[in-house]
Amino acid sequence: MDRDRKLTGPGLGPKRDTQLSEARAVGIGAWVQGGMEPEDWDRQVALKEKLGPSVVLTFGLHPWWVARQTQEGVEQAHGI
């Protein structure tokens, strides 16, 4: 999974604003941002705070992430 291709990807950094501007220029004005693991969730919230209502957040656990975890790790991510 290439994390740097997501809007919240840590490697996207300074390119993010350029990509958002280019997307808006062709008529894209909203994004659904899917968090696939706990490490994504704080970055998602920060993006929402920056872009406001043009970003819809979803939070979840990708099966690839779950497969690398213990049962305890999955339960902890769910807040169980």
PDB file of N, CA and C in Angstrom:
ATOM      1  N   MET A   1       0.841  -1.166   0.000  1.00  0.00           N
ATOM      2  CA  MET A   1       0.000   0.000   0.000  1.00  0.00           C
ATOM      3  C   MET A   1       0.897   1.244   0.000  1.00  0.00           C
ATOM      4  N   ASP A   2       0.700   2.136  -0.927  1.00  0.00           N
ATOM      5  CA  ASP A   2       1.545   3.324  -1.048  1.00  0.00           C
ATOM      6  C   ASP A   2       0.911   4.471  -0.258  1.00  0.00           C
ATOM      7  N   ARG A   3       1.376   4.653   0.967  1.00  0.00           N
ATOM      8  CA  ARG A   3       0.809   5.677   1.848  1.00  0.00           C
ATOM      9  C   ARG A   3       1.021   7.085   1.317  1.00  0.00           C
ATOM     10  N   ASP A   4       2.060   7.276   0.532  1.00  0.00           N
ATOM     11  CA  ASP A   4       2.372   8.619   0.054  1.00  0.00           C
ATOM     12  C   ASP A   4       1.429   9.092  -1.046  1.00  0.00           C
ATOM     13  N   ARG A   5       0.559   8.232  -1.526  1.00  0.00           N
ATOM     14  CA  ARG A   5      -0.402   8.636  -2.550  1.00  0.00           C
ATOM     15  C   ARG A   5      -1.701   9.136  -1.935  1.00  0.00           C
ATOM     16  N   LYS A   6      -1.899   8.884  -0.650  1.00  0.00           N
ATOM     17  CA  LYS A   6      -3.111   9.341   0.023  1.00  0.00           C
ATOM     18  C   LYS A   6      -2.943  10.803   0.422  1.00  0.00           C
ATOM     19  N   LEU A   7      -4.032  11.523   0.537  1.00  0.00           N
ATOM     20  CA  LEU A   7      -3.956  12.930   0.955  1.00  0.00           C
ATOM     21  C   LEU A   7      -3.302  13.093   2.315  1.00  0.00           C
ATOM     22  N   THR A   8      -3.406  12.082   3.149  1.00  0.00           N
ATOM     23  CA  THR A   8      -2.788  12.170   4.467  1.00  0.00           C
ATOM     24  C   THR A   8      -1.422  11.492   4.512  1.00  0.00           C
ATOM     25  N   GLY A   9      -0.941  11.021   3.379  1.00  0.00           N
ATOM     26  CA  GLY A   9       0.342  10.327   3.339  1.00  0.00           C
ATOM     27  C   GLY A   9       1.480  11.217   3.807  1.00  0.00           C
ATOM     28  N   PRO A  10       2.325  10.706   4.697  1.00  0.00           N
ATOM     29  CA  PRO A  10       3.409  11.522   5.236  1.00  0.00           C
ATOM     30  C   PRO A  10       4.396  11.999   4.185  1.00  0.00           C
ATOM     31  N   GLY A  11       4.535  11.288   3.085  1.00  0.00           N
ATOM     32  CA  GLY A  11       5.479  11.695   2.054  1.00  0.00           C
ATOM     33  C   GLY A  11       4.926  12.693   1.055  1.00  0.00           C
ATOM     34  N   LEU A  12       3.630  12.923   1.080  1.00  0.00           N
ATOM     35  CA  LEU A  12       3.019  13.857   0.128  1.00  0.00           C
ATOM     36  C   LEU A  12       3.414  15.291   0.439  1.00  0.00           C
ATOM     37  N   GLY A  13       3.436  15.609   1.728  1.00  0.00           N
ATOM     38  CA  GLY A  13       3.929  16.894   2.223  1.00  0.00           C
ATOM     39  C   GLY A  13       3.607  18.098   1.370  1.00  0.00           C
ATOM     40  N   PRO A  14       4.636  18.784   0.855  1.00  0.00           N
ATOM     41  CA  PRO A  14       4.422  20.037   0.130  1.00  0.00           C
ATOM     42  C   PRO A  14       3.674  19.861  -1.190  1.00  0.00           C
ATOM     43  N   LYS A  15       3.608  18.650  -1.706  1.00  0.00           N
ATOM     44  CA  LYS A  15       2.869  18.420  -2.952  1.00  0.00           C
ATOM     45  C   LYS A  15       1.359  18.440  -2.738  1.00  0.00           C
ATOM     46  N   ARG A  16       0.926  18.250  -1.502  1.00  0.00           N
ATOM     47  CA  ARG A  16      -0.500  18.143  -1.207  1.00  0.00           C
ATOM     48  C   ARG A  16      -1.278  19.360  -1.684  1.00  0.00           C
ATOM     49  N   ASP A  17      -0.806  20.552  -1.361  1.00  0.00           N
ATOM     50  CA  ASP A  17      -1.529  21.763  -1.748  1.00  0.00           C
ATOM     51  C   ASP A  17      -1.599  21.898  -3.262  1.00  0.00           C
ATOM     52  N   THR A  18      -0.523  21.542  -3.953  1.00  0.00           N
ATOM     53  CA  THR A  18      -0.520  21.591  -5.415  1.00  0.00           C
ATOM     54  C   THR A  18      -1.532  20.610  -5.981  1.00  0.00           C
ATOM     55  N   GLN A  19      -1.554  19.396  -5.458  1.00  0.00           N
ATOM     56  CA  GLN A  19      -2.493  18.401  -5.955  1.00  0.00           C
ATOM     57  C   GLN A  19      -3.940  18.799  -5.684  1.00  0.00           C
ATOM     58  N   LEU A  20      -4.197  19.366  -4.514  1.00  0.00           N
ATOM     59  CA  LEU A  20      -5.556  19.830  -4.214  1.00  0.00           C
ATOM     60  C   LEU A  20      -5.964  20.958  -5.156  1.00  0.00           C
ATOM     61  N   SER A  21      -5.055  21.879  -5.424  1.00  0.00           N
ATOM     62  CA  SER A  21      -5.348  22.984  -6.348  1.00  0.00           C
ATOM     63  C   SER A  21      -5.626  22.469  -7.750  1.00  0.00           C
ATOM     64  N   GLU A  22      -4.828  21.517  -8.195  1.00  0.00           N
ATOM     65  CA  GLU A  22      -5.041  20.940  -9.522  1.00  0.00           C
ATOM     66  C   GLU A  22      -6.378  20.215  -9.599  1.00  0.00           C
ATOM     67  N   ALA A  23      -6.733  19.514  -8.542  1.00  0.00           N
ATOM     68  CA  ALA A  23      -8.020  18.817  -8.510  1.00  0.00           C
ATOM     69  C   ALA A  23      -9.171  19.815  -8.559  1.00  0.00           C
ATOM     70  N   ARG A  24      -9.073  20.874  -7.785  1.00  0.00           N
ATOM     71  CA  ARG A  24     -10.133  21.899  -7.797  1.00  0.00           C
ATOM     72  C   ARG A  24     -10.258  22.543  -9.168  1.00  0.00           C
ATOM     73  N   ALA A  25      -9.135  22.734  -9.855  1.00  0.00           N
ATOM     74  CA  ALA A  25      -9.139  23.369 -11.178  1.00  0.00           C
ATOM     75  C   ALA A  25      -9.909  22.543 -12.215  1.00  0.00           C
ATOM     76  N   VAL A  26     -10.005  21.234 -11.999  1.00  0.00           N
ATOM     77  CA  VAL A  26     -10.753  20.391 -12.933  1.00  0.00           C
ATOM     78  C   VAL A  26     -12.123  19.999 -12.384  1.00  0.00           C
ATOM     79  N   GLY A  27     -12.555  20.683 -11.330  1.00  0.00           N
ATOM     80  CA  GLY A  27     -13.910  20.504 -10.833  1.00  0.00           C
ATOM     81  C   GLY A  27     -14.091  19.566  -9.658  1.00  0.00           C
ATOM     82  N   ILE A  28     -13.013  19.066  -9.094  1.00  0.00           N
ATOM     83  CA  ILE A  28     -13.129  18.208  -7.908  1.00  0.00           C
ATOM     84  C   ILE A  28     -13.115  19.114  -6.692  1.00  0.00           C
ATOM     85  N   GLY A  29     -14.171  19.060  -5.914  1.00  0.00           N
ATOM     86  CA  GLY A  29     -14.274  19.970  -4.788  1.00  0.00           C
ATOM     87  C   GLY A  29     -14.479  19.299  -3.443  1.00  0.00           C
ATOM     88  N   ALA A  30     -14.508  17.967  -3.442  1.00  0.00           N
ATOM     89  CA  ALA A  30     -14.711  17.251  -2.186  1.00  0.00           C
ATOM     90  C   ALA A  30     -13.990  15.917  -2.255  1.00  0.00           C
ATOM     91  N   TRP A  31     -13.627  15.415  -1.073  1.00  0.00           N
ATOM     92  CA  TRP A  31     -12.880  14.171  -0.976  1.00  0.00           C
ATOM     93  C   TRP A  31     -13.425  13.327   0.162  1.00  0.00           C
ATOM     94  N   VAL A  32     -13.472  12.024  -0.051  1.00  0.00           N
ATOM     95  CA  VAL A  32     -13.743  11.073   1.022  1.00  0.00           C
ATOM     96  C   VAL A  32     -12.383  10.516   1.411  1.00  0.00           C
ATOM     97  N   GLN A  33     -12.022  10.723   2.651  1.00  0.00           N
ATOM     98  CA  GLN A  33     -10.702  10.313   3.129  1.00  0.00           C
ATOM     99  C   GLN A  33     -10.853   9.099   4.024  1.00  0.00           C
ATOM    100  N   GLY A  34     -10.388   7.959   3.548  1.00  0.00           N
ATOM    101  CA  GLY A  34     -10.509   6.720   4.305  1.00  0.00           C
ATOM    102  C   GLY A  34      -9.275   6.444   5.146  1.00  0.00           C
ATOM    103  N   GLY A  35      -9.474   6.310   6.436  1.00  0.00           N
ATOM    104  CA  GLY A  35      -8.386   5.917   7.326  1.00  0.00           C
ATOM    105  C   GLY A  35      -8.379   4.414   7.440  1.00  0.00           C
ATOM    106  N   MET A  36      -7.258   3.794   7.117  1.00  0.00           N
ATOM    107  CA  MET A  36      -7.203   2.342   7.054  1.00  0.00           C
ATOM    108  C   MET A  36      -6.483   1.706   8.220  1.00  0.00           C
ATOM    109  N   GLU A  37      -5.904   2.534   9.083  1.00  0.00           N
ATOM    110  CA  GLU A  37      -5.195   2.027  10.253  1.00  0.00           C
ATOM    111  C   GLU A  37      -5.081   3.159  11.260  1.00  0.00           C
ATOM    112  N   PRO A  38      -4.877   2.847  12.531  1.00  0.00           N
ATOM    113  CA  PRO A  38      -4.839   3.895  13.558  1.00  0.00           C
ATOM    114  C   PRO A  38      -3.846   5.018  13.253  1.00  0.00           C
ATOM    115  N   GLU A  39      -2.726   4.698  12.599  1.00  0.00           N
ATOM    116  CA  GLU A  39      -1.732   5.724  12.290  1.00  0.00           C
ATOM    117  C   GLU A  39      -2.281   6.786  11.337  1.00  0.00           C
ATOM    118  N   ASP A  40      -3.324   6.455  10.582  1.00  0.00           N
ATOM    119  CA  ASP A  40      -3.943   7.410   9.649  1.00  0.00           C
ATOM    120  C   ASP A  40      -4.875   8.391  10.343  1.00  0.00           C
ATOM    121  N   TRP A  41      -5.466   7.984  11.429  1.00  0.00           N
ATOM    122  CA  TRP A  41      -6.607   8.704  11.967  1.00  0.00           C
ATOM    123  C   TRP A  41      -6.294  10.132  12.399  1.00  0.00           C
ATOM    124  N   ASP A  42      -5.190  10.362  13.078  1.00  0.00           N
ATOM    125  CA  ASP A  42      -4.843  11.731  13.483  1.00  0.00           C
ATOM    126  C   ASP A  42      -4.557  12.610  12.272  1.00  0.00           C
ATOM    127  N   ARG A  43      -3.892  12.034  11.257  1.00  0.00           N
ATOM    128  CA  ARG A  43      -3.618  12.813  10.038  1.00  0.00           C
ATOM    129  C   ARG A  43      -4.912  13.162   9.313  1.00  0.00           C
ATOM    130  N   GLN A  44      -5.885  12.259   9.349  1.00  0.00           N
ATOM    131  CA  GLN A  44      -7.179  12.545   8.741  1.00  0.00           C
ATOM    132  C   GLN A  44      -7.849  13.739   9.422  1.00  0.00           C
ATOM    133  N   VAL A  45      -7.859  13.715  10.728  1.00  0.00           N
ATOM    134  CA  VAL A  45      -8.497  14.797  11.484  1.00  0.00           C
ATOM    135  C   VAL A  45      -7.800  16.128  11.176  1.00  0.00           C
ATOM    136  N   ALA A  46      -6.479  16.125  11.090  1.00  0.00           N
ATOM    137  CA  ALA A  46      -5.736  17.351  10.763  1.00  0.00           C
ATOM    138  C   ALA A  46      -6.099  17.854   9.373  1.00  0.00           C
ATOM    139  N   LEU A  47      -6.268  16.952   8.409  1.00  0.00           N
ATOM    140  CA  LEU A  47      -6.657  17.360   7.058  1.00  0.00           C
ATOM    141  C   LEU A  47      -8.059  17.962   7.065  1.00  0.00           C
ATOM    142  N   LYS A  48      -8.964  17.352   7.809  1.00  0.00           N
ATOM    143  CA  LYS A  48     -10.332  17.868   7.923  1.00  0.00           C
ATOM    144  C   LYS A  48     -10.320  19.264   8.537  1.00  0.00           C
ATOM    145  N   GLU A  49      -9.494  19.468   9.558  1.00  0.00           N
ATOM    146  CA  GLU A  49      -9.399  20.791  10.181  1.00  0.00           C
ATOM    147  C   GLU A  49      -8.884  21.826   9.184  1.00  0.00           C
ATOM    148  N   LYS A  50      -8.000  21.425   8.297  1.00  0.00           N
ATOM    149  CA  LYS A  50      -7.439  22.335   7.301  1.00  0.00           C
ATOM    150  C   LYS A  50      -8.421  22.627   6.169  1.00  0.00           C
ATOM    151  N   LEU A  51      -9.116  21.592   5.678  1.00  0.00           N
ATOM    152  CA  LEU A  51      -9.952  21.746   4.489  1.00  0.00           C
ATOM    153  C   LEU A  51     -11.438  21.897   4.783  1.00  0.00           C
ATOM    154  N   GLY A  52     -11.841  21.644   6.008  1.00  0.00           N
ATOM    155  CA  GLY A  52     -13.236  21.839   6.390  1.00  0.00           C
ATOM    156  C   GLY A  52     -14.199  20.855   5.746  1.00  0.00           C
ATOM    157  N   PRO A  53     -15.389  21.345   5.397  1.00  0.00           N
ATOM    158  CA  PRO A  53     -16.450  20.445   4.944  1.00  0.00           C
ATOM    159  C   PRO A  53     -16.196  19.784   3.591  1.00  0.00           C
ATOM    160  N   SER A  54     -15.133  20.154   2.901  1.00  0.00           N
ATOM    161  CA  SER A  54     -14.853  19.495   1.620  1.00  0.00           C
ATOM    162  C   SER A  54     -14.253  18.110   1.809  1.00  0.00           C
ATOM    163  N   VAL A  55     -13.987  17.724   3.060  1.00  0.00           N
ATOM    164  CA  VAL A  55     -13.437  16.401   3.353  1.00  0.00           C
ATOM    165  C   VAL A  55     -14.404  15.647   4.254  1.00  0.00           C
ATOM    166  N   VAL A  56     -14.748  14.434   3.824  1.00  0.00           N
ATOM    167  CA  VAL A  56     -15.568  13.536   4.627  1.00  0.00           C
ATOM    168  C   VAL A  56     -14.641  12.431   5.120  1.00  0.00           C
ATOM    169  N   LEU A  57     -14.651  12.191   6.415  1.00  0.00           N
ATOM    170  CA  LEU A  57     -13.753  11.203   7.008  1.00  0.00           C
ATOM    171  C   LEU A  57     -14.457   9.878   7.242  1.00  0.00           C
ATOM    172  N   THR A  58     -13.719   8.814   7.021  1.00  0.00           N
ATOM    173  CA  THR A  58     -14.155   7.477   7.408  1.00  0.00           C
ATOM    174  C   THR A  58     -13.004   6.832   8.168  1.00  0.00           C
ATOM    175  N   PHE A  59     -13.323   6.049   9.151  1.00  0.00           N
ATOM    176  CA  PHE A  59     -12.306   5.399   9.962  1.00  0.00           C
ATOM    177  C   PHE A  59     -12.542   3.897   9.926  1.00  0.00           C
ATOM    178  N   GLY A  60     -11.492   3.161   9.677  1.00  0.00           N
ATOM    179  CA  GLY A  60     -11.629   1.717   9.626  1.00  0.00           C
ATOM    180  C   GLY A  60     -10.279   1.043   9.748  1.00  0.00           C
ATOM    181  N   LEU A  61     -10.314  -0.254   9.629  1.00  0.00           N
ATOM    182  CA  LEU A  61      -9.096  -1.060   9.675  1.00  0.00           C
ATOM    183  C   LEU A  61      -9.041  -1.907   8.414  1.00  0.00           C
ATOM    184  N   HIS A  62      -8.026  -1.672   7.608  1.00  0.00           N
ATOM    185  CA  HIS A  62      -7.862  -2.425   6.370  1.00  0.00           C
ATOM    186  C   HIS A  62      -7.508  -3.872   6.711  1.00  0.00           C
ATOM    187  N   PRO A  63      -8.031  -4.824   5.964  1.00  0.00           N
ATOM    188  CA  PRO A  63      -7.700  -6.230   6.231  1.00  0.00           C
ATOM    189  C   PRO A  63      -6.196  -6.516   6.235  1.00  0.00           C
ATOM    190  N   TRP A  64      -5.422  -5.816   5.425  1.00  0.00           N
ATOM    191  CA  TRP A  64      -3.977  -6.013   5.437  1.00  0.00           C
ATOM    192  C   TRP A  64      -3.391  -5.592   6.782  1.00  0.00           C
ATOM    193  N   TRP A  65      -3.906  -4.509   7.348  1.00  0.00           N
ATOM    194  CA  TRP A  65      -3.431  -4.058   8.665  1.00  0.00           C
ATOM    195  C   TRP A  65      -3.808  -5.092   9.720  1.00  0.00           C
ATOM    196  N   VAL A  66      -5.058  -5.530   9.684  1.00  0.00           N
ATOM    197  CA  VAL A  66      -5.556  -6.485  10.669  1.00  0.00           C
ATOM    198  C   VAL A  66      -4.746  -7.784  10.617  1.00  0.00           C
ATOM    199  N   ALA A  67      -4.396  -8.235   9.424  1.00  0.00           N
ATOM    200  CA  ALA A  67      -3.668  -9.496   9.277  1.00  0.00           C
ATOM    201  C   ALA A  67      -2.290  -9.446   9.933  1.00  0.00           C
ATOM    202  N   ARG A  68      -1.734  -8.249  10.123  1.00  0.00           N
ATOM    203  CA  ARG A  68      -0.402  -8.119  10.731  1.00  0.00           C
ATOM    204  C   ARG A  68      -0.469  -7.904  12.240  1.00  0.00           C
ATOM    205  N   GLN A  69      -1.665  -7.905  12.814  1.00  0.00           N
ATOM    206  CA  GLN A  69      -1.840  -7.596  14.225  1.00  0.00           C
ATOM    207  C   GLN A  69      -2.200  -8.833  15.027  1.00  0.00           C
ATOM    208  N   THR A  70      -2.010  -8.721  16.330  1.00  0.00           N
ATOM    209  CA  THR A  70      -2.529  -9.733  17.242  1.00  0.00           C
ATOM    210  C   THR A  70      -3.992  -9.414  17.528  1.00  0.00           C
ATOM    211  N   GLN A  71      -4.696 -10.343  18.106  1.00  0.00           N
ATOM    212  CA  GLN A  71      -6.085 -10.082  18.497  1.00  0.00           C
ATOM    213  C   GLN A  71      -6.134  -8.896  19.453  1.00  0.00           C
ATOM    214  N   GLU A  72      -5.172  -8.841  20.365  1.00  0.00           N
ATOM    215  CA  GLU A  72      -5.121  -7.728  21.333  1.00  0.00           C
ATOM    216  C   GLU A  72      -4.921  -6.389  20.606  1.00  0.00           C
ATOM    217  N   GLY A  73      -4.067  -6.364  19.589  1.00  0.00           N
ATOM    218  CA  GLY A  73      -3.831  -5.129  18.845  1.00  0.00           C
ATOM    219  C   GLY A  73      -5.082  -4.656  18.119  1.00  0.00           C
ATOM    220  N   VAL A  74      -5.836  -5.584  17.543  1.00  0.00           N
ATOM    221  CA  VAL A  74      -7.072  -5.221  16.850  1.00  0.00           C
ATOM    222  C   VAL A  74      -8.094  -4.703  17.851  1.00  0.00           C
ATOM    223  N   GLU A  75      -8.212  -5.375  18.991  1.00  0.00           N
ATOM    224  CA  GLU A  75      -9.155  -4.924  20.007  1.00  0.00           C
ATOM    225  C   GLU A  75      -8.779  -3.553  20.540  1.00  0.00           C
ATOM    226  N   GLN A  76      -7.499  -3.306  20.709  1.00  0.00           N
ATOM    227  CA  GLN A  76      -7.040  -2.005  21.181  1.00  0.00           C
ATOM    228  C   GLN A  76      -7.372  -0.913  20.167  1.00  0.00           C
ATOM    229  N   ALA A  77      -7.200  -1.208  18.892  1.00  0.00           N
ATOM    230  CA  ALA A  77      -7.523  -0.226  17.854  1.00  0.00           C
ATOM    231  C   ALA A  77      -9.007   0.108  17.857  1.00  0.00           C
ATOM    232  N   HIS A  78      -9.822  -0.868  18.189  1.00  0.00           N
ATOM    233  CA  HIS A  78     -11.279  -0.664  18.250  1.00  0.00           C
ATOM    234  C   HIS A  78     -11.711  -0.036  19.581  1.00  0.00           C
ATOM    235  N   GLY A  79     -10.777   0.103  20.505  1.00  0.00           N
ATOM    236  CA  GLY A  79     -11.128   0.667  21.801  1.00  0.00           C
ATOM    237  C   GLY A  79     -11.849  -0.314  22.704  1.00  0.00           C
ATOM    238  N   ILE A  80     -11.643  -1.579  22.457  1.00  0.00           N
ATOM    239  CA  ILE A  80     -12.322  -2.616  23.264  1.00  0.00           C
ATOM    240  C   ILE A  80     -11.538  -2.869  24.532  1.00  0.00           C
TER     241      ILE A  80
END
